[in-house]
Amino acid sequence: LKRFKADTMGKPIIMGRKTYEGIGRPLPGRLNIVVTRDKAWRAEGIEIAHSLKEAIALANVRGRCMAGADEICVVGGGEIYAQALPLADRLHVTHVLASVEGDAHFPPIDTDQWRVASAEDFPAGEKDSHATRYTVYERRGGAN
């Protein structure tokens, strides 16, 4: 989580409603934008968008006021990742080096479209029950 905090601090973050509800609160030091189809849904301390396109436009406008907001971070869940992947030029992915159950997954990364810019392995430890690999991917030829 330290890396996530460092990577997203001071930037607009976009997430789906279920991801937001799983976190349970706005993440401090960031412009929190939640995408939901539910026009009546509200939560305090966040911006609401009803599509990824609307969320990106909001992040571009509001993010200009934030020092260090040189990129928009999409932080989940699976449906939002799938919609955002064709628009991205860089991916920061933590791979869990184990088979784990879950209800949301990042879409497969096509190595014809993405190259590994850097990778770092982390062993399982006190706070992490599984080893992980933090990988930064860059799109080959720029974003679509």
Protein backbone atom coordinates (compact mmCIF):
# COMPACT_ATOMS: atom_id res chain seq x y z
CA LEU A 1 0.00 0.00 0.00
CA LYS A 2 2.95 2.36 0.47
CA ARG A 3 3.71 2.18 -3.25
CA PHE A 4 0.04 2.71 -4.13
CA LYS A 5 -0.07 5.77 -1.89
CA ALA A 6 3.14 7.18 -3.39
CA ASP A 7 1.97 6.50 -6.96
CA THR A 8 -1.48 8.09 -6.49
CA MET A 9 -0.92 10.90 -3.95
CA GLY A 10 -1.89 14.32 -5.30
CA LYS A 11 -3.52 12.86 -8.41
CA PRO A 12 -7.06 12.22 -9.56
CA ILE A 13 -8.08 8.59 -8.97
CA ILE A 14 -10.98 6.92 -10.76
CA MET A 15 -12.71 3.85 -9.36
CA GLY A 16 -15.97 1.99 -9.68
CA ARG A 17 -18.64 2.21 -7.00
CA LYS A 18 -18.01 -1.30 -5.64
CA THR A 19 -14.30 -0.55 -5.28
CA TYR A 20 -15.13 2.66 -3.43
CA GLU A 21 -17.55 0.84 -1.14
CA GLY A 22 -14.86 -1.77 -0.44
CA ILE A 23 -12.47 0.99 0.63
CA GLY A 24 -15.25 2.68 2.59
CA ARG A 25 -14.00 6.26 2.49
CA PRO A 26 -12.36 8.81 0.18
CA LEU A 27 -8.59 8.38 -0.02
CA PRO A 28 -6.96 11.54 1.38
CA GLY A 29 -4.71 13.74 -0.73
CA ARG A 30 -6.32 12.71 -4.00
CA LEU A 31 -9.30 13.75 -6.11
CA ASN A 32 -11.58 10.71 -5.68
CA ILE A 33 -13.90 10.12 -8.64
CA VAL A 34 -16.37 7.25 -8.44
CA VAL A 35 -18.08 5.87 -11.54
CA THR A 36 -21.61 4.56 -11.01
CA ARG A 37 -24.63 3.95 -13.22
CA ASP A 38 -26.92 4.77 -10.26
CA LYS A 39 -27.95 8.42 -10.72
CA ALA A 40 -29.21 8.61 -7.12
CA TRP A 41 -26.03 7.24 -5.47
CA ARG A 42 -24.13 9.73 -3.31
CA ALA A 43 -21.16 9.70 -0.94
CA GLU A 44 -19.46 12.51 0.90
CA GLY A 45 -16.01 13.77 -0.13
CA ILE A 46 -15.99 12.35 -3.65
CA GLU A 47 -16.90 13.39 -7.17
CA ILE A 48 -19.41 11.22 -9.02
CA ALA A 49 -19.38 10.36 -12.72
CA HIS A 50 -21.77 8.15 -14.64
CA SER A 51 -19.30 6.91 -17.24
CA LEU A 52 -15.55 6.48 -17.60
CA LYS A 53 -15.55 9.22 -20.25
CA GLU A 54 -17.25 11.62 -17.82
CA ALA A 55 -14.80 10.64 -15.05
CA ILE A 56 -11.78 11.32 -17.28
CA ALA A 57 -13.17 14.72 -18.31
CA LEU A 58 -13.76 15.59 -14.64
CA ALA A 59 -10.24 14.44 -13.71
CA ASN A 60 -8.74 16.56 -16.49
CA VAL A 61 -10.61 19.70 -15.39
CA ARG A 62 -10.32 19.30 -11.61
CA GLY A 63 -6.87 17.69 -11.73
CA ARG A 64 -5.33 20.83 -13.25
CA CYS A 65 -5.73 22.47 -9.84
CA MET A 66 -3.66 19.78 -8.12
CA ALA A 67 0.11 20.12 -7.82
CA GLY A 68 1.76 16.99 -9.21
CA ALA A 69 -1.35 15.83 -11.08
CA ASP A 70 0.48 14.83 -14.23
CA GLU A 71 -1.59 11.68 -14.77
CA ILE A 72 -4.93 10.12 -13.95
CA CYS A 73 -4.88 6.88 -11.96
CA VAL A 74 -7.54 4.22 -12.53
CA VAL A 75 -7.61 2.09 -9.38
CA GLY A 76 -10.36 -0.48 -10.00
CA GLY A 77 -12.41 -2.54 -10.27
CA GLY A 78 -12.39 -5.03 -13.08
CA GLU A 79 -15.03 -3.39 -15.28
CA ILE A 80 -13.38 0.05 -15.02
CA TYR A 81 -9.96 -1.50 -15.77
CA ALA A 82 -11.36 -3.16 -18.91
CA GLN A 83 -12.86 0.14 -20.12
CA ALA A 84 -9.71 2.16 -19.35
CA LEU A 85 -7.10 -0.25 -20.72
CA PRO A 86 -7.45 0.86 -24.38
CA LEU A 87 -6.93 4.49 -23.26
CA ALA A 88 -3.87 3.93 -21.07
CA ASP A 89 -0.24 4.51 -22.01
CA ARG A 90 1.26 3.13 -18.78
CA LEU A 91 0.20 0.38 -16.36
CA HIS A 92 1.36 -0.07 -12.76
CA VAL A 93 0.44 -3.66 -11.90
CA THR A 94 1.09 -5.68 -8.76
CA HIS A 95 1.00 -9.36 -9.70
CA VAL A 96 0.24 -11.71 -6.80
CA LEU A 97 2.53 -14.70 -7.34
CA ALA A 98 -0.06 -17.27 -6.24
CA SER A 99 -3.47 -18.55 -7.28
CA VAL A 100 -6.01 -16.56 -5.29
CA GLU A 101 -9.78 -16.31 -5.41
CA GLY A 102 -11.37 -13.00 -6.26
CA ASP A 103 -14.39 -11.47 -7.93
CA ALA A 104 -12.56 -8.79 -9.94
CA HIS A 105 -9.52 -9.21 -12.12
CA PHE A 106 -7.34 -7.03 -14.30
CA PRO A 107 -7.76 -7.87 -18.00
CA PRO A 108 -5.01 -9.95 -19.65
CA ILE A 109 -2.02 -7.85 -20.74
CA ASP A 110 -1.24 -8.33 -24.44
CA THR A 111 2.56 -8.38 -24.79
CA ASP A 112 2.19 -7.34 -28.44
CA GLN A 113 0.77 -4.03 -27.17
CA TRP A 114 2.71 -3.63 -23.90
CA ARG A 115 6.37 -3.86 -22.95
CA VAL A 116 7.80 -4.27 -19.47
CA ALA A 117 9.51 -1.01 -18.48
CA SER A 118 10.49 -2.23 -15.01
CA ALA A 119 9.76 -5.07 -12.61
CA GLU A 120 10.58 -5.67 -8.97
CA ASP A 121 9.89 -8.78 -6.87
CA PHE A 122 8.82 -8.68 -3.23
CA PRO A 123 8.79 -11.75 -0.97
CA ALA A 124 5.88 -12.67 1.27
CA GLY A 125 6.27 -11.06 4.66
CA GLU A 126 4.57 -9.93 7.84
CA LYS A 127 1.99 -7.81 6.04
CA ASP A 128 1.77 -9.78 2.77
CA SER A 129 0.92 -13.47 2.76
CA HIS A 130 2.01 -13.91 -0.89
CA ALA A 131 5.05 -12.85 -2.88
CA THR A 132 4.33 -10.14 -5.46
CA ARG A 133 5.88 -8.62 -8.55
CA TYR A 134 5.39 -4.90 -9.17
CA THR A 135 5.59 -4.29 -12.91
CA VAL A 136 5.37 -1.08 -14.92
CA TYR A 137 4.25 -1.61 -18.51
CA GLU A 138 4.43 0.96 -21.30
CA ARG A 139 2.29 0.80 -24.39
CA ARG A 140 4.18 0.01 -27.57
CA GLY A 141 3.59 2.94 -29.94
CA GLY A 142 1.56 5.11 -27.51
CA ALA A 143 -2.09 4.99 -26.39
CA ASN A 144 -4.91 4.31 -28.84
